[in-house]
Amino acid sequence: MADDCKDISRLLNPADKLTEDLLIEILSRVPYKSLCRFNRFETADSQAFDYVVCNPATEKWVALPLPGFFSKIQTARLGFDPAVSSHFHVFQFLKDGDGHVKGVEIYSSKTGVWSHKDSGWGFPARLTSLSAFGNGFLYFVAIWSAVVAVDVEGTAWRVIPMPCNPFGPEIDLAVGFTDPSQGRLYLANIDHHDGHRLLIWVLEDYGSEVWVLKHSISPFDLLGEKYVHRGIRFHIVAHHPRRNMIFFVYGHDKELVSYEMDSGKVQFIGVLGNGSMGPYLPYVPLYSEELADWN
């Protein structure tokens, strides 16, 4: 686990007079631990964003061609599942002035081009930062208690009602997938209105859109005596991309803890520190797998 990488554009702004070729050369020499799996930067010669996808395990990266559509408000995500294919997709969601999604640009490493699709969700969706990729779909938690999804072709759009209403003064959610052999979407949230219990729901039937509550765990079961003595709330920060595991932090010093859904095992990982800020990204050996078309 590590803090999310800082926006590359923030790093490049002091040197905005450098040419694009020189910027790319500099990026190629940056230690891999300093780069994100996916990011974007803006050059002085262009009002458009250039996207760079990089693999920190292999130190390989690729600069993508410019998408055909732009908006001032954008959300971008990487779609990559090495269990299915070495190819990847980049989703750039275009938004209106109120932050509602009006369309998406999707880049395919297989074709090497971007494609544009208008939003097919049928309502003015506003996305949170919570997302997961699997089964050929990118899933987002949207405001107004729904999980929305779009496939890698931009032709299938889905709206799945959430099993709970987590939006309020405090929001603690994680969205991901169970074991890849099952490929089922799960949603984890902390119910601050019911003793801060950790609830984990699984979407077992995509057709009926029925969520099943698989786990309901009290803070004492998770933290034991530490919770009894401190009574400190905990917060979900991430999910493991390839295991039935979620991560949460608790306490003033933000102690990082993992919870294994299948075994119920709770493991202390380390102290992030009071100054640590999300979002957080898990880093696992899985990402050493090769992405296609790096050269």
Protein backbone atom coordinates (compact mmCIF):
# COMPACT_ATOMS: atom_id res chain seq x y z
CA MET A 1 0.00 0.00 0.00
CA ALA A 2 1.23 3.48 -0.77
CA ASP A 3 -0.15 6.96 -1.02
CA ASP A 4 -1.58 7.70 -4.42
CA CYS A 5 1.02 9.21 -6.74
CA LYS A 6 1.00 12.96 -7.07
CA ASP A 7 -0.32 14.40 -10.27
CA ILE A 8 2.52 14.45 -12.79
CA SER A 9 1.29 17.79 -14.03
CA ARG A 10 2.07 19.28 -10.64
CA LEU A 11 5.63 18.06 -10.95
CA LEU A 12 6.05 19.38 -14.48
CA ASN A 13 4.58 22.85 -14.12
CA PRO A 14 7.84 24.47 -12.88
CA ALA A 15 9.46 23.28 -16.11
CA ASP A 16 6.61 24.04 -18.49
CA LYS A 17 9.03 25.59 -20.98
CA LEU A 18 10.62 22.21 -21.68
CA THR A 19 9.80 20.54 -24.98
CA GLU A 20 7.53 17.50 -25.01
CA ASP A 21 10.36 15.24 -26.20
CA LEU A 22 12.51 16.36 -23.29
CA LEU A 23 9.67 15.82 -20.82
CA ILE A 24 9.22 12.25 -22.06
CA GLU A 25 12.97 11.65 -21.76
CA ILE A 26 12.88 12.90 -18.17
CA LEU A 27 9.92 10.67 -17.35
CA SER A 28 11.75 7.64 -18.73
CA ARG A 29 14.57 8.21 -16.22
CA VAL A 30 12.42 8.72 -13.12
CA PRO A 31 12.68 5.80 -10.61
CA TYR A 32 9.68 3.55 -11.02
CA LYS A 33 8.55 4.03 -7.42
CA SER A 34 7.91 7.68 -8.23
CA LEU A 35 5.42 6.97 -11.00
CA CYS A 36 1.79 5.95 -11.05
CA ARG A 37 0.40 3.03 -13.01
CA PHE A 38 -1.56 5.66 -14.92
CA ASN A 39 -1.42 9.43 -15.03
CA ARG A 40 -1.58 12.45 -17.28
CA PHE A 41 0.33 15.67 -17.83
CA GLU A 42 -0.15 18.89 -19.74
CA THR A 43 2.49 20.42 -21.96
CA ALA A 44 3.03 24.12 -22.54
CA ASP A 45 2.20 23.75 -26.24
CA SER A 46 -1.20 22.17 -25.77
CA GLN A 47 -4.46 22.68 -23.92
CA ALA A 48 -5.07 18.93 -24.04
CA PHE A 49 -3.84 16.27 -21.65
CA ASP A 50 -1.34 13.61 -22.67
CA TYR A 51 -1.90 10.28 -20.92
CA VAL A 52 0.95 8.05 -19.80
CA VAL A 53 0.41 4.45 -18.67
CA CYS A 54 3.31 2.92 -16.79
CA ASN A 55 4.15 -0.34 -15.06
CA PRO A 56 6.22 0.36 -11.91
CA ALA A 57 7.31 -3.28 -11.66
CA THR A 58 8.94 -3.41 -15.10
CA GLU A 59 9.73 0.33 -15.42
CA LYS A 60 8.05 0.32 -18.83
CA TRP A 61 5.62 3.01 -19.93
CA VAL A 62 3.74 4.20 -22.97
CA ALA A 63 2.43 7.65 -23.96
CA LEU A 64 -1.05 7.50 -25.46
CA PRO A 65 -2.26 9.54 -28.45
CA LEU A 66 -4.49 12.49 -27.66
CA PRO A 67 -8.20 11.71 -27.26
CA GLY A 68 -10.57 13.42 -29.66
CA PHE A 69 -12.86 15.05 -27.07
CA PHE A 70 -12.06 17.16 -24.04
CA SER A 71 -13.90 18.88 -21.22
CA LYS A 72 -12.67 21.01 -18.34
CA ILE A 73 -13.90 18.43 -15.83
CA GLN A 74 -12.62 14.90 -16.38
CA THR A 75 -12.32 11.59 -14.56
CA ALA A 76 -9.95 8.95 -15.91
CA ARG A 77 -9.40 5.30 -15.00
CA LEU A 78 -7.25 2.40 -16.17
CA GLY A 79 -8.95 -0.89 -17.06
CA PHE A 80 -6.56 -3.85 -16.93
CA ASP A 81 -7.16 -7.50 -16.05
CA PRO A 82 -4.05 -9.66 -16.71
CA ALA A 83 -6.06 -12.81 -16.01
CA VAL A 84 -8.01 -12.09 -19.20
CA SER A 85 -5.65 -10.19 -21.49
CA SER A 86 -2.39 -8.26 -21.53
CA HIS A 87 -4.17 -5.41 -23.30
CA PHE A 88 -5.50 -2.45 -21.34
CA HIS A 89 -8.09 0.30 -21.71
CA VAL A 90 -8.14 3.89 -20.50
CA PHE A 91 -11.50 5.52 -19.75
CA GLN A 92 -11.76 9.32 -19.85
CA PHE A 93 -15.17 10.48 -18.65
CA LEU A 94 -16.31 13.86 -19.93
CA LYS A 95 -18.45 15.96 -17.59
CA ASP A 96 -20.56 19.07 -17.77
CA GLY A 97 -20.11 22.10 -15.53
CA ASP A 98 -22.05 20.42 -12.71
CA GLY A 99 -19.89 17.30 -12.75
CA HIS A 100 -22.43 15.06 -14.48
CA VAL A 101 -21.06 12.51 -16.94
CA LYS A 102 -22.04 13.32 -20.50
CA GLY A 103 -19.81 10.85 -22.35
CA VAL A 104 -16.66 8.76 -22.32
CA GLU A 105 -13.52 8.41 -24.41
CA ILE A 106 -12.07 4.88 -24.33
CA TYR A 107 -8.55 4.02 -25.45
CA SER A 108 -7.73 0.43 -26.43
CA SER A 109 -4.11 -0.74 -26.45
CA LYS A 110 -5.16 -3.39 -28.97
CA THR A 111 -6.36 -0.90 -31.59
CA GLY A 112 -4.20 2.02 -30.48
CA VAL A 113 -7.05 4.52 -30.90
CA TRP A 114 -9.68 6.33 -28.84
CA SER A 115 -13.42 5.92 -29.34
CA HIS A 116 -16.14 8.27 -28.12
CA LYS A 117 -19.53 7.28 -26.70
CA ASP A 118 -22.29 9.40 -25.20
CA SER A 119 -23.46 8.45 -21.72
CA GLY A 120 -25.98 5.63 -21.71
CA TRP A 121 -26.87 5.68 -18.01
CA GLY A 122 -30.10 7.56 -18.60
CA PHE A 123 -29.66 9.99 -15.71
CA PRO A 124 -27.14 12.74 -14.79
CA ALA A 125 -24.64 10.51 -12.99
CA ARG A 126 -22.04 12.03 -10.69
CA LEU A 127 -19.15 9.68 -9.90
CA THR A 128 -17.28 9.19 -6.65
CA SER A 129 -13.61 8.18 -6.59
CA LEU A 130 -14.56 4.54 -5.93
CA SER A 131 -14.16 2.25 -8.92
CA ALA A 132 -13.28 -1.32 -9.90
CA PHE A 133 -12.58 -3.08 -13.17
CA GLY A 134 -13.64 -6.64 -13.98
CA ASN A 135 -15.64 -8.81 -16.35
CA GLY A 136 -14.91 -6.31 -19.11
CA PHE A 137 -16.69 -3.49 -17.24
CA LEU A 138 -15.53 -0.45 -15.31
CA TYR A 139 -17.72 0.01 -12.22
CA PHE A 140 -18.17 3.26 -10.31
CA VAL A 141 -20.04 4.15 -7.16
CA ALA A 142 -22.25 7.07 -8.14
CA ILE A 143 -23.92 9.58 -5.88
CA TRP A 144 -27.60 8.77 -5.23
CA SER A 145 -26.86 5.20 -4.12
CA ALA A 146 -26.15 3.40 -7.36
CA VAL A 147 -23.30 1.47 -8.91
CA VAL A 148 -22.90 2.40 -12.57
CA ALA A 149 -20.85 0.52 -15.16
CA VAL A 150 -19.71 0.75 -18.77
CA ASP A 151 -17.96 -1.92 -20.83
CA VAL A 152 -14.67 -1.53 -22.69
CA GLU A 153 -16.49 -0.94 -25.97
CA GLY A 154 -18.71 1.80 -24.53
CA THR A 155 -21.79 -0.02 -25.83
CA ALA A 156 -23.17 -1.52 -22.61
CA TRP A 157 -24.14 0.81 -19.76
CA ARG A 158 -25.57 -0.45 -16.46
CA VAL A 159 -27.13 1.08 -13.36
CA ILE A 160 -27.27 -1.21 -10.30
CA PRO A 161 -29.09 -0.01 -7.16
CA MET A 162 -26.96 -0.22 -4.04
CA PRO A 163 -28.06 -2.41 -1.11
CA CYS A 164 -27.55 0.43 1.36
CA ASN A 165 -27.62 4.20 1.51
CA PRO A 166 -24.12 5.17 2.68
CA PHE A 167 -24.22 8.83 1.72
CA GLY A 168 -24.30 11.18 4.65
CA PRO A 169 -21.87 13.00 6.95
CA GLU A 170 -19.46 10.04 6.73
CA ILE A 171 -18.90 7.78 3.73
CA ASP A 172 -16.92 4.55 4.09
CA LEU A 173 -17.08 2.36 1.01
CA ALA A 174 -14.95 0.01 -1.04
CA VAL A 175 -15.93 -1.68 -4.28
CA GLY A 176 -14.10 -4.57 -5.91
CA PHE A 177 -14.34 -8.17 -7.03
CA THR A 178 -14.25 -11.48 -5.21
CA ASP A 179 -11.91 -14.25 -6.31
CA PRO A 180 -11.32 -13.95 -10.09
CA SER A 181 -12.67 -17.47 -10.59
CA GLN A 182 -15.99 -16.14 -9.29
CA GLY A 183 -15.77 -12.62 -10.71
CA ARG A 184 -18.56 -11.27 -8.53
CA LEU A 185 -18.83 -7.62 -7.58
CA TYR A 186 -18.73 -6.81 -3.89
CA LEU A 187 -19.43 -3.67 -1.93
CA ALA A 188 -18.08 -3.02 1.57
CA ASN A 189 -19.26 -0.24 3.82
CA ILE A 190 -19.12 0.78 7.46
CA ASP A 191 -22.51 1.48 8.95
CA HIS A 192 -21.93 4.39 11.31
CA HIS A 193 -25.60 4.25 12.33
CA ASP A 194 -25.36 0.67 13.64
CA GLY A 195 -22.34 0.47 15.91
CA HIS A 196 -19.86 1.04 13.07
CA ARG A 197 -20.29 -2.50 11.80
CA LEU A 198 -18.44 -3.57 8.66
CA LEU A 199 -20.92 -4.86 6.06
CA ILE A 200 -19.85 -6.73 2.93
CA TRP A 201 -22.35 -7.30 0.13
CA VAL A 202 -21.91 -9.49 -2.97
CA LEU A 203 -23.79 -9.13 -6.25
CA GLU A 204 -24.42 -12.80 -6.96
CA ASP A 205 -26.91 -12.37 -9.80
CA TYR A 206 -26.20 -9.61 -12.31
CA GLY A 207 -29.52 -10.23 -14.01
CA SER A 208 -31.73 -9.68 -10.97
CA GLU A 209 -29.29 -7.15 -9.44
CA VAL A 210 -29.76 -8.74 -6.02
CA TRP A 211 -27.09 -8.05 -3.40
CA VAL A 212 -26.48 -10.65 -0.68
CA LEU A 213 -25.07 -9.65 2.71
CA LYS A 214 -22.09 -11.98 3.23
CA HIS A 215 -20.39 -10.46 6.26
CA SER A 216 -21.46 -8.28 9.18
CA ILE A 217 -18.58 -7.70 11.57
CA SER A 218 -18.48 -5.60 14.72
CA PRO A 219 -15.53 -3.30 15.48
CA PHE A 220 -14.65 -5.51 18.46
CA ASP A 221 -14.33 -8.58 16.22
CA LEU A 222 -12.01 -6.63 13.94
CA LEU A 223 -9.86 -4.76 16.45
CA GLY A 224 -10.41 -6.59 19.73
CA GLU A 225 -9.05 -4.96 22.86
CA LYS A 226 -7.69 -2.00 20.93
CA TYR A 227 -11.20 -0.97 20.00
CA VAL A 228 -12.53 -1.57 23.52
CA HIS A 229 -9.88 0.68 25.08
CA ARG A 230 -9.79 3.37 22.40
CA GLY A 231 -13.27 3.32 20.93
CA ILE A 232 -11.89 4.86 17.75
CA ARG A 233 -13.75 4.68 14.48
CA PHE A 234 -12.12 3.02 11.52
CA HIS A 235 -12.39 3.79 7.82
CA ILE A 236 -12.13 1.69 4.67
CA VAL A 237 -9.33 2.85 2.37
CA ALA A 238 -8.96 0.23 -0.39
CA HIS A 239 -9.59 -3.30 -1.61
CA HIS A 240 -7.12 -5.90 -2.80
CA PRO A 241 -7.44 -6.30 -6.59
CA ARG A 242 -6.93 -10.08 -6.58
CA ARG A 243 -7.93 -11.33 -3.16
CA ASN A 244 -11.05 -11.19 -1.03
CA MET A 245 -9.47 -8.59 1.20
CA ILE A 246 -10.11 -5.00 2.19
CA PHE A 247 -7.88 -2.50 3.97
CA PHE A 248 -8.89 0.03 6.58
CA VAL A 249 -7.22 2.53 8.90
CA TYR A 250 -8.07 3.50 12.44
CA GLY A 251 -6.78 5.68 15.21
CA HIS A 252 -5.00 9.02 15.34
CA ASP A 253 -1.88 7.58 13.70
CA LYS A 254 -3.88 5.82 10.97
CA GLU A 255 -2.83 2.26 11.60
CA LEU A 256 -3.30 0.19 8.44
CA VAL A 257 -5.09 -3.15 8.83
CA SER A 258 -6.23 -5.82 6.37
CA TYR A 259 -9.31 -8.02 6.66
CA GLU A 260 -9.45 -11.33 4.75
CA MET A 261 -13.11 -12.05 3.96
CA ASP A 262 -12.80 -15.83 3.52
CA SER A 263 -10.82 -16.64 6.66
CA GLY A 264 -11.84 -13.68 8.79
CA LYS A 265 -8.15 -13.01 9.48
CA VAL A 266 -7.26 -9.50 10.61
CA GLN A 267 -3.65 -8.42 10.17
CA PHE A 268 -1.86 -5.27 11.27
CA ILE A 269 0.31 -3.93 8.42
CA GLY A 270 1.85 -0.71 9.66
CA VAL A 271 1.38 2.88 10.76
CA LEU A 272 0.74 5.38 7.98
CA GLY A 273 0.97 8.39 10.26
CA ASN A 274 -1.44 11.16 11.11
CA GLY A 275 -0.34 13.21 8.09
CA SER A 276 -1.09 10.42 5.64
CA MET A 277 -3.87 11.25 3.20
CA GLY A 278 -5.78 9.14 0.68
CA PRO A 279 -6.65 7.92 -1.74
CA TYR A 280 -4.47 4.82 -1.40
CA LEU A 281 -3.54 2.20 -4.00
CA PRO A 282 -2.57 -1.42 -3.24
CA TYR A 283 0.61 -2.66 -4.90
CA VAL A 284 0.89 -6.42 -5.43
CA PRO A 285 3.31 -8.65 -7.40
CA LEU A 286 0.48 -9.22 -9.87
CA TYR A 287 1.34 -5.91 -11.49
CA SER A 288 4.69 -7.31 -12.63
CA GLU A 289 2.73 -8.99 -15.43
CA GLU A 290 3.46 -7.51 -18.82
CA LEU A 291 1.07 -5.06 -20.40
CA ALA A 292 0.82 -5.35 -24.16
CA ASP A 293 2.18 -2.84 -26.67
CA TRP A 294 4.71 -1.09 -24.47
CA ASN A 295 6.97 -0.32 -27.40
